[in-house]
C-alpha atoms as a PDB file:
ATOM      1  CA  MET A   1    -165.930 156.239 -51.082  1.00  0.00           C
ATOM      2  CA  LYS A   2    -167.587 159.542 -50.243  1.00  0.00           C
ATOM      3  CA  LEU A   3    -170.917 157.796 -49.633  1.00  0.00           C
ATOM      4  CA  LYS A   4    -169.191 155.250 -47.392  1.00  0.00           C
ATOM      5  CA  SER A   5    -167.640 158.065 -45.363  1.00  0.00           C
ATOM      6  CA  LEU A   6    -170.987 159.795 -44.970  1.00  0.00           C
ATOM      7  CA  LEU A   7    -172.626 156.572 -43.837  1.00  0.00           C
ATOM      8  CA  PHE A   8    -169.815 155.921 -41.368  1.00  0.00           C
ATOM      9  CA  GLY A   9    -170.202 159.432 -39.930  1.00  0.00           C
ATOM     10  CA  ALA A  10    -173.943 159.021 -39.571  1.00  0.00           C
ATOM     11  CA  VAL A  11    -173.554 155.712 -37.740  1.00  0.00           C
ATOM     12  CA  ALA A  12    -170.906 157.191 -35.452  1.00  0.00           C
ATOM     13  CA  SER A  13    -173.140 160.145 -34.637  1.00  0.00           C
ATOM     14  CA  ALA A  14    -176.036 157.834 -33.906  1.00  0.00           C
ATOM     15  CA  LEU A  15    -173.872 155.812 -31.536  1.00  0.00           C
ATOM     16  CA  VAL A  16    -172.827 158.954 -29.679  1.00  0.00           C
ATOM     17  CA  LEU A  17    -176.440 160.025 -29.305  1.00  0.00           C
ATOM     18  CA  ALA A  18    -177.469 156.569 -28.170  1.00  0.00           C
ATOM     19  CA  THR A  19    -174.907 156.530 -25.351  1.00  0.00           C
ATOM     20  CA  SER A  20    -175.306 160.106 -24.143  1.00  0.00           C
ATOM     21  CA  THR A  21    -177.719 161.638 -21.690  1.00  0.00           C
ATOM     22  CA  ALA A  22    -179.609 164.866 -22.139  1.00  0.00           C
ATOM     23  CA  ALA A  23    -178.447 165.865 -18.657  1.00  0.00           C
ATOM     24  CA  ASP A  24    -175.578 168.249 -18.011  1.00  0.00           C
ATOM     25  CA  LEU A  25    -172.941 167.735 -15.350  1.00  0.00           C
ATOM     26  CA  GLY A  26    -172.450 170.418 -12.729  1.00  0.00           C
ATOM     27  CA  ILE A  27    -171.216 170.944  -9.212  1.00  0.00           C
ATOM     28  CA  GLN A  28    -172.937 172.080  -6.032  1.00  0.00           C
ATOM     29  CA  THR A  29    -170.423 174.540  -4.633  1.00  0.00           C
ATOM     30  CA  TRP A  30    -171.137 173.255  -1.116  1.00  0.00           C
ATOM     31  CA  THR A  31    -168.619 170.632  -2.232  1.00  0.00           C
ATOM     32  CA  LEU A  32    -166.118 173.519  -2.498  1.00  0.00           C
ATOM     33  CA  ARG A  33    -167.134 175.164   0.770  1.00  0.00           C
ATOM     34  CA  ASN A  34    -163.519 175.527   1.885  1.00  0.00           C
ATOM     35  CA  MET A  35    -162.771 177.743  -1.132  1.00  0.00           C
ATOM     36  CA  ASP A  36    -163.521 181.375  -1.879  1.00  0.00           C
ATOM     37  CA  PHE A  37    -165.256 182.498  -5.080  1.00  0.00           C
ATOM     38  CA  ASP A  38    -162.080 182.915  -7.143  1.00  0.00           C
ATOM     39  CA  GLN A  39    -160.856 179.478  -6.105  1.00  0.00           C
ATOM     40  CA  VAL A  40    -164.215 177.965  -7.117  1.00  0.00           C
ATOM     41  CA  VAL A  41    -163.889 179.550 -10.567  1.00  0.00           C
ATOM     42  CA  ALA A  42    -160.362 178.156 -10.984  1.00  0.00           C
ATOM     43  CA  PHE A  43    -161.465 174.718  -9.759  1.00  0.00           C
ATOM     44  CA  ALA A  44    -164.429 174.529 -12.128  1.00  0.00           C
ATOM     45  CA  LYS A  45    -162.253 175.512 -15.099  1.00  0.00           C
ATOM     46  CA  LYS A  46    -159.616 172.968 -14.132  1.00  0.00           C
ATOM     47  CA  HIS A  47    -162.171 170.167 -14.037  1.00  0.00           C
ATOM     48  CA  GLY A  48    -164.093 171.277 -17.124  1.00  0.00           C
ATOM     49  CA  ILE A  49    -167.369 171.851 -15.268  1.00  0.00           C
ATOM     50  CA  LYS A  50    -169.274 174.893 -16.489  1.00  0.00           C
ATOM     51  CA  ASN A  51    -172.526 174.544 -14.494  1.00  0.00           C
ATOM     52  CA  LEU A  52    -172.423 175.805 -10.918  1.00  0.00           C
ATOM     53  CA  GLN A  53    -175.126 175.417  -8.296  1.00  0.00           C
ATOM     54  CA  VAL A  54    -173.973 178.249  -6.076  1.00  0.00           C
ATOM     55  CA  ILE A  55    -174.230 178.647  -2.302  1.00  0.00           C
ATOM     56  CA  GLY A  56    -174.391 181.970  -0.481  1.00  0.00           C
ATOM     57  CA  LYS A  57    -170.731 181.857   0.548  1.00  0.00           C
ATOM     58  CA  HIS A  58    -169.711 182.149  -3.097  1.00  0.00           C
ATOM     59  CA  ILE A  59    -172.412 184.489  -4.399  1.00  0.00           C
ATOM     60  CA  ASP A  60    -174.594 186.211  -1.825  1.00  0.00           C
ATOM     61  CA  PRO A  61    -178.076 187.172  -3.103  1.00  0.00           C
ATOM     62  CA  ASN A  62    -178.287 189.739  -0.301  1.00  0.00           C
ATOM     63  CA  SER A  63    -175.092 191.497  -1.341  1.00  0.00           C
ATOM     64  CA  PRO A  64    -175.285 194.765  -3.340  1.00  0.00           C
ATOM     65  CA  ARG A  65    -176.472 194.171  -6.920  1.00  0.00           C
ATOM     66  CA  GLU A  66    -173.208 195.556  -8.306  1.00  0.00           C
ATOM     67  CA  GLU A  67    -171.250 192.994  -6.315  1.00  0.00           C
ATOM     68  CA  TYR A  68    -173.068 189.886  -7.502  1.00  0.00           C
ATOM     69  CA  LEU A  69    -173.199 191.167 -11.094  1.00  0.00           C
ATOM     70  CA  LYS A  70    -169.400 191.515 -11.011  1.00  0.00           C
ATOM     71  CA  LYS A  71    -169.210 187.843 -10.049  1.00  0.00           C
ATOM     72  CA  LYS A  72    -171.606 186.969 -12.858  1.00  0.00           C
ATOM     73  CA  ALA A  73    -169.248 188.749 -15.269  1.00  0.00           C
ATOM     74  CA  VAL A  74    -166.299 186.751 -13.899  1.00  0.00           C
ATOM     75  CA  LEU A  75    -168.186 183.522 -14.488  1.00  0.00           C
ATOM     76  CA  GLU A  76    -169.052 184.516 -18.043  1.00  0.00           C
ATOM     77  CA  ARG A  77    -165.452 185.482 -18.855  1.00  0.00           C
ATOM     78  CA  ASN A  78    -164.396 182.031 -17.737  1.00  0.00           C
ATOM     79  CA  GLY A  79    -167.066 180.130 -19.656  1.00  0.00           C
ATOM     80  CA  LEU A  80    -169.026 179.285 -16.502  1.00  0.00           C
ATOM     81  CA  ARG A  81    -172.561 179.933 -15.332  1.00  0.00           C
ATOM     82  CA  ALA A  82    -174.521 179.867 -12.112  1.00  0.00           C
ATOM     83  CA  TYR A  83    -177.358 177.724 -13.408  1.00  0.00           C
ATOM     84  CA  THR A  84    -179.055 177.732 -10.024  1.00  0.00           C
ATOM     85  CA  PHE A  85    -178.736 178.934  -6.450  1.00  0.00           C
ATOM     86  CA  GLY A  86    -179.375 177.100  -3.218  1.00  0.00           C
ATOM     87  CA  VAL A  87    -180.262 175.817  -0.880  1.00  0.00           C
ATOM     88  CA  ALA A  88    -181.744 179.306  -0.502  1.00  0.00           C
ATOM     89  CA  GLY A  89    -183.118 180.765   2.683  1.00  0.00           C
ATOM     90  CA  THR A  90    -186.819 181.616   2.442  1.00  0.00           C
ATOM     91  CA  SER A  91    -189.378 183.504   4.490  1.00  0.00           C
ATOM     92  CA  LEU A  92    -193.086 183.705   5.223  1.00  0.00           C
ATOM     93  CA  ASP A  93    -192.727 187.291   3.977  1.00  0.00           C
ATOM     94  CA  LYS A  94    -193.394 187.138   0.235  1.00  0.00           C
ATOM     95  CA  GLU A  95    -191.668 190.462  -0.412  1.00  0.00           C
ATOM     96  CA  GLN A  96    -188.540 189.203   1.316  1.00  0.00           C
ATOM     97  CA  ASN A  97    -188.571 186.187  -1.011  1.00  0.00           C
ATOM     98  CA  ARG A  98    -189.047 188.531  -3.980  1.00  0.00           C
ATOM     99  CA  LYS A  99    -185.469 189.731  -3.451  1.00  0.00           C
ATOM    100  CA  LEU A 100    -184.297 186.180  -4.132  1.00  0.00           C
ATOM    101  CA  PHE A 101    -186.190 186.054  -7.427  1.00  0.00           C
ATOM    102  CA  THR A 102    -184.891 189.487  -8.454  1.00  0.00           C
ATOM    103  CA  PHE A 103    -181.360 188.226  -7.773  1.00  0.00           C
ATOM    104  CA  ALA A 104    -182.052 185.115  -9.851  1.00  0.00           C
ATOM    105  CA  LYS A 105    -183.408 187.172 -12.734  1.00  0.00           C
ATOM    106  CA  ASP A 106    -180.348 189.447 -12.662  1.00  0.00           C
ATOM    107  CA  MET A 107    -178.034 186.417 -12.657  1.00  0.00           C
ATOM    108  CA  GLY A 108    -179.854 184.604 -15.456  1.00  0.00           C
ATOM    109  CA  ILE A 109    -180.750 181.801 -13.048  1.00  0.00           C
ATOM    110  CA  GLN A 110    -183.795 179.769 -14.060  1.00  0.00           C
ATOM    111  CA  LEU A 111    -184.007 177.520 -10.999  1.00  0.00           C
ATOM    112  CA  ILE A 112    -183.885 178.174  -7.242  1.00  0.00           C
ATOM    113  CA  ILE A 113    -183.332 175.350  -4.750  1.00  0.00           C
ATOM    114  CA  VAL A 114    -185.247 175.674  -1.467  1.00  0.00           C
ATOM    115  CA  GLU A 115    -186.078 173.772   1.693  1.00  0.00           C
ATOM    116  CA  PRO A 116    -188.559 176.029   3.521  1.00  0.00           C
ATOM    117  CA  SER A 117    -188.805 175.684   7.285  1.00  0.00           C
ATOM    118  CA  ASP A 118    -192.583 176.182   7.096  1.00  0.00           C
ATOM    119  CA  LEU A 119    -194.877 174.569   4.526  1.00  0.00           C
ATOM    120  CA  LYS A 120    -196.843 177.831   4.260  1.00  0.00           C
ATOM    121  CA  ILE A 121    -193.828 179.418   2.566  1.00  0.00           C
ATOM    122  CA  LEU A 122    -194.370 177.211  -0.469  1.00  0.00           C
ATOM    123  CA  ASP A 123    -197.504 179.120  -1.461  1.00  0.00           C
ATOM    124  CA  ASN A 124    -195.758 182.474  -1.850  1.00  0.00           C
ATOM    125  CA  LEU A 125    -192.768 180.821  -3.531  1.00  0.00           C
ATOM    126  CA  ALA A 126    -195.124 179.248  -6.054  1.00  0.00           C
ATOM    127  CA  GLU A 127    -196.727 182.623  -6.760  1.00  0.00           C
ATOM    128  CA  LEU A 128    -193.340 184.258  -7.295  1.00  0.00           C
ATOM    129  CA  ALA A 129    -192.107 181.361  -9.438  1.00  0.00           C
ATOM    130  CA  LYS A 130    -195.070 181.811 -11.748  1.00  0.00           C
ATOM    131  CA  GLU A 131    -194.725 185.595 -11.771  1.00  0.00           C
ATOM    132  CA  TYR A 132    -191.015 185.532 -12.636  1.00  0.00           C
ATOM    133  CA  ASP A 133    -191.184 182.331 -14.718  1.00  0.00           C
ATOM    134  CA  ILE A 134    -188.345 180.925 -12.610  1.00  0.00           C
ATOM    135  CA  LYS A 135    -188.666 177.369 -11.331  1.00  0.00           C
ATOM    136  CA  VAL A 136    -188.370 176.374  -7.687  1.00  0.00           C
ATOM    137  CA  ALA A 137    -187.148 172.950  -6.575  1.00  0.00           C
ATOM    138  CA  ILE A 138    -187.704 171.481  -3.110  1.00  0.00           C
ATOM    139  CA  HIS A 139    -184.591 169.823  -1.698  1.00  0.00           C
ATOM    140  CA  ASN A 140    -184.671 166.804   0.624  1.00  0.00           C
ATOM    141  CA  HIS A 141    -182.520 165.709   3.526  1.00  0.00           C
ATOM    142  CA  GLY A 142    -183.030 162.612   5.689  1.00  0.00           C
ATOM    143  CA  ILE A 143    -186.324 160.879   6.379  1.00  0.00           C
ATOM    144  CA  ARG A 144    -186.917 162.910   9.560  1.00  0.00           C
ATOM    145  CA  SER A 145    -186.558 166.240   7.774  1.00  0.00           C
ATOM    146  CA  LEU A 146    -189.636 168.116   6.604  1.00  0.00           C
ATOM    147  CA  TYR A 147    -189.255 166.961   2.981  1.00  0.00           C
ATOM    148  CA  GLY A 148    -187.418 163.682   3.632  1.00  0.00           C
ATOM    149  CA  ASN A 149    -190.391 161.505   2.671  1.00  0.00           C
ATOM    150  CA  PRO A 150    -191.049 161.656  -1.103  1.00  0.00           C
ATOM    151  CA  LEU A 151    -194.722 160.821  -0.523  1.00  0.00           C
ATOM    152  CA  VAL A 152    -195.103 164.027   1.474  1.00  0.00           C
ATOM    153  CA  VAL A 153    -193.417 166.042  -1.264  1.00  0.00           C
ATOM    154  CA  ARG A 154    -195.516 164.456  -4.007  1.00  0.00           C
ATOM    155  CA  THR A 155    -198.658 165.342  -2.051  1.00  0.00           C
ATOM    156  CA  LEU A 156    -197.516 168.952  -1.749  1.00  0.00           C
ATOM    157  CA  LEU A 157    -196.729 169.188  -5.455  1.00  0.00           C
ATOM    158  CA  GLN A 158    -200.277 168.179  -6.355  1.00  0.00           C
ATOM    159  CA  HIS A 159    -201.449 171.510  -4.930  1.00  0.00           C
ATOM    160  CA  LEU A 160    -198.650 173.726  -6.245  1.00  0.00           C
ATOM    161  CA  ASP A 161    -198.056 175.441  -9.579  1.00  0.00           C
ATOM    162  CA  PRO A 162    -196.020 173.362 -12.093  1.00  0.00           C
ATOM    163  CA  HIS A 163    -193.186 175.871 -11.660  1.00  0.00           C
ATOM    164  CA  VAL A 164    -192.504 174.067  -8.349  1.00  0.00           C
ATOM    165  CA  GLY A 165    -190.760 170.719  -8.440  1.00  0.00           C
ATOM    166  CA  VAL A 166    -187.988 168.752  -6.788  1.00  0.00           C
ATOM    167  CA  CYS A 167    -184.241 168.888  -6.291  1.00  0.00           C
ATOM    168  CA  MET A 168    -183.716 165.191  -5.621  1.00  0.00           C
ATOM    169  CA  ASP A 169    -180.692 164.453  -3.453  1.00  0.00           C
ATOM    170  CA  ALA A 170    -179.878 160.868  -4.407  1.00  0.00           C
ATOM    171  CA  GLY A 171    -177.645 160.324  -1.390  1.00  0.00           C
ATOM    172  CA  TRP A 172    -180.242 161.370   1.146  1.00  0.00           C
ATOM    173  CA  ILE A 173    -182.887 159.311  -0.657  1.00  0.00           C
ATOM    174  CA  ALA A 174    -180.608 156.262  -0.322  1.00  0.00           C
ATOM    175  CA  SER A 175    -180.113 157.044   3.375  1.00  0.00           C
ATOM    176  CA  THR A 176    -183.838 156.396   3.904  1.00  0.00           C
ATOM    177  CA  GLY A 177    -183.563 152.920   2.367  1.00  0.00           C
ATOM    178  CA  MET A 178    -185.465 153.994  -0.755  1.00  0.00           C
ATOM    179  CA  ASP A 179    -184.283 153.538  -4.331  1.00  0.00           C
ATOM    180  CA  PRO A 180    -183.573 156.874  -6.083  1.00  0.00           C
ATOM    181  CA  VAL A 181    -184.617 155.333  -9.420  1.00  0.00           C
ATOM    182  CA  LYS A 182    -188.107 154.529  -8.149  1.00  0.00           C
ATOM    183  CA  VAL A 183    -188.383 157.878  -6.378  1.00  0.00           C
ATOM    184  CA  TYR A 184    -187.407 159.690  -9.593  1.00  0.00           C
ATOM    185  CA  LYS A 185    -190.050 157.800 -11.574  1.00  0.00           C
ATOM    186  CA  ASP A 186    -192.724 158.409  -8.947  1.00  0.00           C
ATOM    187  CA  TYR A 187    -192.183 162.171  -9.205  1.00  0.00           C
ATOM    188  CA  ASN A 188    -193.539 161.892 -12.755  1.00  0.00           C
ATOM    189  CA  GLY A 189    -191.668 164.730 -14.427  1.00  0.00           C
ATOM    190  CA  ARG A 190    -191.387 167.079 -11.442  1.00  0.00           C
ATOM    191  CA  VAL A 191    -187.657 166.460 -10.798  1.00  0.00           C
ATOM    192  CA  PHE A 192    -185.917 169.669 -11.918  1.00  0.00           C
ATOM    193  CA  ASP A 193    -182.476 169.060 -10.419  1.00  0.00           C
ATOM    194  CA  ILE A 194    -180.471 166.171  -8.954  1.00  0.00           C
ATOM    195  CA  HIS A 195    -177.711 166.200  -6.366  1.00  0.00           C
ATOM    196  CA  LEU A 196    -175.301 163.504  -7.492  1.00  0.00           C
ATOM    197  CA  LYS A 197    -174.367 162.230  -4.048  1.00  0.00           C
ATOM    198  CA  ASP A 198    -173.666 158.732  -2.771  1.00  0.00           C
ATOM    199  CA  LYS A 199    -174.064 157.335   0.729  1.00  0.00           C
ATOM    200  CA  ARG A 200    -173.841 154.047   2.544  1.00  0.00           C
ATOM    201  CA  VAL A 201    -175.950 153.215   5.581  1.00  0.00           C
ATOM    202  CA  GLU A 202    -174.477 151.488   8.614  1.00  0.00           C
ATOM    203  CA  LYS A 203    -176.678 149.702  11.127  1.00  0.00           C
ATOM    204  CA  THR A 204    -176.242 150.653  14.775  1.00  0.00           C
ATOM    205  CA  GLN A 205    -178.056 149.772  17.979  1.00  0.00           C
ATOM    206  CA  GLY A 206    -179.748 153.138  17.722  1.00  0.00           C
ATOM    207  CA  ASP A 207    -180.555 155.004  14.526  1.00  0.00           C
ATOM    208  CA  ASP A 208    -178.933 153.932  11.274  1.00  0.00           C
ATOM    209  CA  VAL A 209    -176.096 156.252  10.268  1.00  0.00           C
ATOM    210  CA  ALA A 210    -175.420 157.386   6.684  1.00  0.00           C
ATOM    211  CA  PHE A 211    -171.915 158.201   5.464  1.00  0.00           C
ATOM    212  CA  ASP A 212    -170.861 159.796   2.182  1.00  0.00           C
ATOM    213  CA  THR A 213    -168.841 157.663  -0.219  1.00  0.00           C
ATOM    214  CA  GLN A 214    -167.118 158.363  -3.497  1.00  0.00           C
ATOM    215  CA  ILE A 215    -169.691 158.704  -6.270  1.00  0.00           C
ATOM    216  CA  GLY A 216    -170.706 155.239  -7.447  1.00  0.00           C
ATOM    217  CA  GLU A 217    -169.375 153.378  -4.396  1.00  0.00           C
ATOM    218  CA  GLY A 218    -172.386 153.703  -2.084  1.00  0.00           C
ATOM    219  CA  GLN A 219    -175.990 152.539  -2.013  1.00  0.00           C
ATOM    220  CA  SER A 220    -177.580 155.285  -4.131  1.00  0.00           C
ATOM    221  CA  ASN A 221    -177.896 153.064  -7.227  1.00  0.00           C
ATOM    222  CA  LEU A 222    -176.446 155.898  -9.298  1.00  0.00           C
ATOM    223  CA  ALA A 223    -175.579 153.830 -12.374  1.00  0.00           C
ATOM    224  CA  ALA A 224    -179.198 152.722 -12.663  1.00  0.00           C
ATOM    225  CA  LEU A 225    -180.391 156.268 -11.991  1.00  0.00           C
ATOM    226  CA  ILE A 226    -178.240 157.693 -14.790  1.00  0.00           C
ATOM    227  CA  GLY A 227    -179.513 154.923 -17.066  1.00  0.00           C
ATOM    228  CA  GLU A 228    -183.095 155.892 -16.263  1.00  0.00           C
ATOM    229  CA  LEU A 229    -182.350 159.568 -16.887  1.00  0.00           C
ATOM    230  CA  ASN A 230    -180.900 158.638 -20.284  1.00  0.00           C
ATOM    231  CA  LYS A 231    -183.984 156.592 -21.091  1.00  0.00           C
ATOM    232  CA  ALA A 232    -186.317 159.388 -20.041  1.00  0.00           C
ATOM    233  CA  GLY A 233    -184.340 162.082 -21.867  1.00  0.00           C
ATOM    234  CA  TRP A 234    -184.144 164.110 -18.660  1.00  0.00           C
ATOM    235  CA  LYS A 235    -182.697 167.544 -19.393  1.00  0.00           C
ATOM    236  CA  GLY A 236    -181.677 168.738 -15.944  1.00  0.00           C
ATOM    237  CA  THR A 237    -178.255 168.961 -14.311  1.00  0.00           C
ATOM    238  CA  LEU A 238    -176.481 166.380 -12.196  1.00  0.00           C
ATOM    239  CA  ALA A 239    -174.794 168.493  -9.526  1.00  0.00           C
ATOM    240  CA  ILE A 240    -171.848 166.691  -7.924  1.00  0.00           C
ATOM    241  CA  GLU A 241    -172.073 167.118  -4.168  1.00  0.00           C
ATOM    242  CA  THR A 242    -170.719 165.759  -0.908  1.00  0.00           C
ATOM    243  CA  ASP A 243    -171.547 166.354   2.734  1.00  0.00           C
ATOM    244  CA  SER A 244    -168.240 164.779   3.767  1.00  0.00           C
ATOM    245  CA  ASP A 245    -165.757 167.176   5.337  1.00  0.00           C
ATOM    246  CA  GLN A 246    -162.978 164.783   4.344  1.00  0.00           C
ATOM    247  CA  PHE A 247    -163.905 164.890   0.653  1.00  0.00           C
ATOM    248  CA  ALA A 248    -164.447 168.645   0.835  1.00  0.00           C
ATOM    249  CA  ARG A 249    -160.876 169.068   2.096  1.00  0.00           C
ATOM    250  CA  SER A 250    -159.570 167.305  -1.022  1.00  0.00           C
ATOM    251  CA  PRO A 251    -162.269 167.888  -3.657  1.00  0.00           C
ATOM    252  CA  ASP A 252    -159.954 167.330  -6.656  1.00  0.00           C
ATOM    253  CA  GLU A 253    -159.939 163.575  -6.193  1.00  0.00           C
ATOM    254  CA  PHE A 254    -163.629 163.447  -5.290  1.00  0.00           C
ATOM    255  CA  VAL A 255    -164.744 165.413  -8.352  1.00  0.00           C
ATOM    256  CA  SER A 256    -162.346 163.620 -10.720  1.00  0.00           C
ATOM    257  CA  LYS A 257    -163.714 160.260  -9.604  1.00  0.00           C
ATOM    258  CA  ALA A 258    -167.293 161.523  -9.919  1.00  0.00           C
ATOM    259  CA  LYS A 259    -166.682 162.669 -13.489  1.00  0.00           C
ATOM    260  CA  ALA A 260    -164.999 159.377 -14.357  1.00  0.00           C
ATOM    261  CA  PHE A 261    -167.980 157.476 -12.966  1.00  0.00           C
ATOM    262  CA  VAL A 262    -170.471 159.463 -15.030  1.00  0.00           C
ATOM    263  CA  GLU A 263    -168.329 159.099 -18.149  1.00  0.00           C
ATOM    264  CA  LYS A 264    -167.982 155.346 -17.627  1.00  0.00           C
ATOM    265  CA  THR A 265    -171.681 154.962 -16.868  1.00  0.00           C
ATOM    266  CA  SER A 266    -173.124 156.980 -19.709  1.00  0.00           C
ATOM    267  CA  GLY A 267    -170.340 158.579 -21.746  1.00  0.00           C
ATOM    268  CA  ALA A 268    -172.181 161.807 -21.159  1.00  0.00           C
ATOM    269  CA  ALA A 269    -170.271 164.145 -18.856  1.00  0.00           C
ATOM    270  CA  ARG A 270    -169.998 167.591 -20.469  1.00  0.00           C
END
């Protein structure tokens, strides 16, 4: 009987491992942009999300060190962490960017999300990333933005230190008509972070227009993407995010549905 119980436990554990992803679930606090810091903390606890990708409204890297360390302490007391910061403002001035890395080091942040306005900025960010051993991930918006074409980003990465990679926004990738699964594969291990966002594209007589949907209801092929992440053993964080002002006004429903989608898709939200 004891042996049977042990065998049953081993099989059950194997099944759990087989259906789970190495990825964590988090939230980009842009989704909570209508809240202050304390409200974000309460929201994250309520929804059981410990990983926060923080924007400057909630923790300002340019605020006095004592101020942002107090917020770090609040997060820790509540079982939360700022696993990354962004999208961060950056500068051609390397020493100005150094302040961002010092902030990250103080906060225990190992990844900074950026979208530099000038490609030349990437060189000094790469140098600082290597110096501080803190990764940098390039975020993408639509196809007309500087980093909207994955081919352009892949070309840049070939000439940058391995500390520099990608924050892949699945929704904006879908808005270009590309498949986030293929884009993820083509980055060949350089995807450090993923914005779990969904969009649908509507044809117009002018430019196509992309609208945010509930997670899993748009054209971002998120179920297949999560399946690919499981297969690859990707160990990053899926940061729930929306650009929709409507969803941001009532984020409880949006985030609850996002979590339910991930749980249904992979049984792996944690």
